[in-house]
Amino acid sequence: MPQLDTSTWSVTIVSMIMTLFIMFQLKISKHLYYSNPEPLTIESHKHTNPWEIKWTKIYLPLSLPLR
C-alpha cells in the first residue's frame, strides 16, 4: 500500500493560520471604534405636586401612642 505523503502538511497548516490571522486583522481594522464616549446630559424637570409642597405625616398603627 502506498503511504500518504505528509511533508506538505506543515506548510499548508502554517499558511492557513497566517491567512486566517491576516484576514481577521483586516476585518477588525475596518471597525470604527469611538475614542471617548461622552455621557448624555439629560435635563430633569422638577414637577411640583401638591403633596410635595406641604408637610404630611402618615400615622401607622404601630406609631400611635399606647393606651
N, C-alpha and C. Protein backbone atom coordinates (compact mmCIF):
# COMPACT_ATOMS: atom_id res chain seq x y z
N MET A 1 0.82 -1.19 0.00
CA MET A 1 0.00 0.00 0.00
C MET A 1 0.87 1.25 0.00
N PRO A 2 0.54 2.24 -0.81
CA PRO A 2 1.35 3.47 -0.79
C PRO A 2 1.02 4.30 0.45
N GLN A 3 2.02 4.91 0.98
CA GLN A 3 1.83 5.74 2.17
C GLN A 3 1.46 7.16 1.77
N LEU A 4 0.75 7.83 2.67
CA LEU A 4 0.32 9.19 2.41
C LEU A 4 1.50 10.13 2.65
N ASP A 5 1.73 10.99 1.68
CA ASP A 5 2.84 11.95 1.80
C ASP A 5 2.39 13.13 2.65
N THR A 6 2.96 13.27 3.85
CA THR A 6 2.56 14.33 4.77
C THR A 6 3.59 15.44 4.85
N SER A 7 4.52 15.50 3.92
CA SER A 7 5.58 16.50 4.01
C SER A 7 5.06 17.91 3.73
N THR A 8 3.96 18.05 3.00
CA THR A 8 3.45 19.38 2.68
C THR A 8 2.39 19.85 3.69
N TRP A 9 2.04 19.01 4.64
CA TRP A 9 1.00 19.39 5.60
C TRP A 9 1.42 20.57 6.47
N SER A 10 2.66 20.57 6.89
CA SER A 10 3.11 21.66 7.77
C SER A 10 3.05 23.00 7.05
N VAL A 11 3.44 23.02 5.79
CA VAL A 11 3.39 24.26 5.02
C VAL A 11 1.93 24.69 4.82
N THR A 12 1.06 23.75 4.58
CA THR A 12 -0.35 24.06 4.38
C THR A 12 -0.97 24.61 5.67
N ILE A 13 -0.66 23.98 6.79
CA ILE A 13 -1.22 24.43 8.07
C ILE A 13 -0.69 25.80 8.44
N VAL A 14 0.57 26.04 8.28
CA VAL A 14 1.16 27.34 8.63
C VAL A 14 0.61 28.43 7.71
N SER A 15 0.49 28.15 6.44
CA SER A 15 -0.05 29.17 5.53
C SER A 15 -1.53 29.44 5.82
N MET A 16 -2.28 28.41 6.21
CA MET A 16 -3.67 28.61 6.55
C MET A 16 -3.80 29.48 7.80
N ILE A 17 -2.98 29.22 8.81
CA ILE A 17 -3.03 30.02 10.04
C ILE A 17 -2.63 31.47 9.76
N MET A 18 -1.63 31.67 8.96
CA MET A 18 -1.22 33.03 8.62
C MET A 18 -2.32 33.76 7.83
N THR A 19 -2.95 33.06 6.92
CA THR A 19 -4.04 33.66 6.14
C THR A 19 -5.20 34.04 7.03
N LEU A 20 -5.57 33.15 7.94
CA LEU A 20 -6.66 33.46 8.87
C LEU A 20 -6.31 34.65 9.76
N PHE A 21 -5.07 34.69 10.22
CA PHE A 21 -4.65 35.81 11.05
C PHE A 21 -4.74 37.13 10.28
N ILE A 22 -4.26 37.14 9.07
CA ILE A 22 -4.29 38.36 8.26
C ILE A 22 -5.73 38.78 7.96
N MET A 23 -6.58 37.79 7.65
CA MET A 23 -7.97 38.13 7.35
C MET A 23 -8.68 38.71 8.57
N PHE A 24 -8.43 38.13 9.75
CA PHE A 24 -9.04 38.67 10.95
C PHE A 24 -8.52 40.05 11.28
N GLN A 25 -7.24 40.28 11.07
CA GLN A 25 -6.69 41.61 11.32
C GLN A 25 -7.32 42.64 10.40
N LEU A 26 -7.50 42.30 9.15
CA LEU A 26 -8.13 43.23 8.22
C LEU A 26 -9.59 43.47 8.59
N LYS A 27 -10.27 42.42 9.02
CA LYS A 27 -11.67 42.57 9.40
C LYS A 27 -11.81 43.45 10.64
N ILE A 28 -10.94 43.26 11.61
CA ILE A 28 -11.01 44.05 12.84
C ILE A 28 -10.60 45.50 12.58
N SER A 29 -9.65 45.71 11.69
CA SER A 29 -9.17 47.07 11.44
C SER A 29 -10.22 47.94 10.75
N LYS A 30 -11.24 47.35 10.15
CA LYS A 30 -12.28 48.12 9.47
C LYS A 30 -13.37 48.59 10.42
N HIS A 31 -13.33 48.14 11.67
CA HIS A 31 -14.33 48.58 12.64
C HIS A 31 -14.05 50.01 13.08
N LEU A 32 -15.11 50.73 13.34
CA LEU A 32 -14.99 52.09 13.81
C LEU A 32 -15.19 52.11 15.32
N TYR A 33 -14.15 52.41 16.05
CA TYR A 33 -14.23 52.46 17.50
C TYR A 33 -14.28 53.92 17.94
N TYR A 34 -15.21 54.22 18.81
CA TYR A 34 -15.31 55.57 19.33
C TYR A 34 -14.25 55.76 20.40
N SER A 35 -13.51 56.84 20.29
CA SER A 35 -12.37 57.01 21.18
C SER A 35 -12.79 57.32 22.61
N ASN A 36 -13.68 58.32 22.79
CA ASN A 36 -14.05 58.70 24.15
C ASN A 36 -15.55 58.98 24.19
N PRO A 37 -16.35 58.02 24.57
CA PRO A 37 -17.79 58.28 24.61
C PRO A 37 -18.15 59.21 25.75
N GLU A 38 -18.90 60.22 25.44
CA GLU A 38 -19.34 61.19 26.44
C GLU A 38 -20.74 60.84 26.91
N PRO A 39 -21.00 60.93 28.20
CA PRO A 39 -22.37 60.66 28.66
C PRO A 39 -23.32 61.78 28.25
N LEU A 40 -24.52 61.39 27.93
CA LEU A 40 -25.51 62.38 27.55
C LEU A 40 -26.02 63.11 28.78
N THR A 41 -26.16 64.41 28.65
CA THR A 41 -26.70 65.18 29.76
C THR A 41 -28.20 65.31 29.57
N ILE A 42 -28.93 64.73 30.46
CA ILE A 42 -30.38 64.76 30.37
C ILE A 42 -30.89 65.75 31.40
N GLU A 43 -31.63 66.72 30.92
CA GLU A 43 -32.18 67.72 31.84
C GLU A 43 -33.42 67.15 32.51
N SER A 44 -33.39 67.14 33.82
CA SER A 44 -34.54 66.62 34.54
C SER A 44 -35.46 67.79 34.91
N HIS A 45 -36.73 67.59 34.69
CA HIS A 45 -37.71 68.60 35.01
C HIS A 45 -38.30 68.31 36.37
N LYS A 46 -38.31 69.31 37.21
CA LYS A 46 -38.87 69.15 38.54
C LYS A 46 -40.37 69.41 38.48
N HIS A 47 -41.13 68.38 38.77
CA HIS A 47 -42.58 68.51 38.79
C HIS A 47 -43.02 68.84 40.20
N THR A 48 -43.80 69.88 40.32
CA THR A 48 -44.31 70.23 41.65
C THR A 48 -45.70 69.67 41.82
N ASN A 49 -45.83 68.84 42.80
CA ASN A 49 -47.11 68.23 43.12
C ASN A 49 -47.65 68.86 44.39
N PRO A 50 -48.94 68.86 44.58
CA PRO A 50 -49.49 69.48 45.80
C PRO A 50 -48.99 68.82 47.08
N TRP A 51 -48.74 67.52 47.04
CA TRP A 51 -48.29 66.86 48.26
C TRP A 51 -46.82 67.08 48.52
N GLU A 52 -46.07 67.60 47.57
CA GLU A 52 -44.66 67.90 47.82
C GLU A 52 -44.51 69.26 48.50
N ILE A 53 -45.49 70.11 48.41
CA ILE A 53 -45.38 71.46 48.97
C ILE A 53 -45.59 71.43 50.48
N LYS A 54 -46.60 70.75 50.94
CA LYS A 54 -46.89 70.76 52.36
C LYS A 54 -46.39 69.49 53.03
N TRP A 55 -46.12 69.66 54.32
CA TRP A 55 -45.58 68.56 55.09
C TRP A 55 -46.71 67.63 55.50
N THR A 56 -46.53 66.34 55.22
CA THR A 56 -47.55 65.36 55.60
C THR A 56 -46.89 64.26 56.41
N LYS A 57 -47.68 63.65 57.25
CA LYS A 57 -47.18 62.55 58.04
C LYS A 57 -48.21 61.43 57.99
N ILE A 58 -47.72 60.23 57.77
CA ILE A 58 -48.61 59.08 57.74
C ILE A 58 -48.52 58.39 59.09
N TYR A 59 -49.64 58.24 59.74
CA TYR A 59 -49.67 57.59 61.04
C TYR A 59 -49.93 56.10 60.85
N LEU A 60 -48.94 55.34 61.20
CA LEU A 60 -49.10 53.91 61.15
C LEU A 60 -49.69 53.42 62.46
N PRO A 61 -50.33 52.27 62.48
CA PRO A 61 -50.90 51.78 63.74
C PRO A 61 -49.85 51.56 64.82
N LEU A 62 -48.66 51.20 64.43
CA LEU A 62 -47.63 50.95 65.44
C LEU A 62 -47.04 52.24 65.98
N SER A 63 -47.19 53.36 65.26
CA SER A 63 -46.61 54.59 65.74
C SER A 63 -47.56 55.41 66.62
N LEU A 64 -48.78 54.90 66.79
CA LEU A 64 -49.75 55.59 67.67
C LEU A 64 -49.35 55.40 69.14
N PRO A 65 -49.67 56.34 69.98
CA PRO A 65 -49.32 56.17 71.40
C PRO A 65 -50.10 55.01 72.02
N LEU A 66 -49.49 54.43 73.03
CA LEU A 66 -50.13 53.32 73.71
C LEU A 66 -51.30 53.79 74.55
N ARG A 67 -52.29 52.98 74.73
CA ARG A 67 -53.48 53.35 75.53
C ARG A 67 -53.28 52.99 76.97
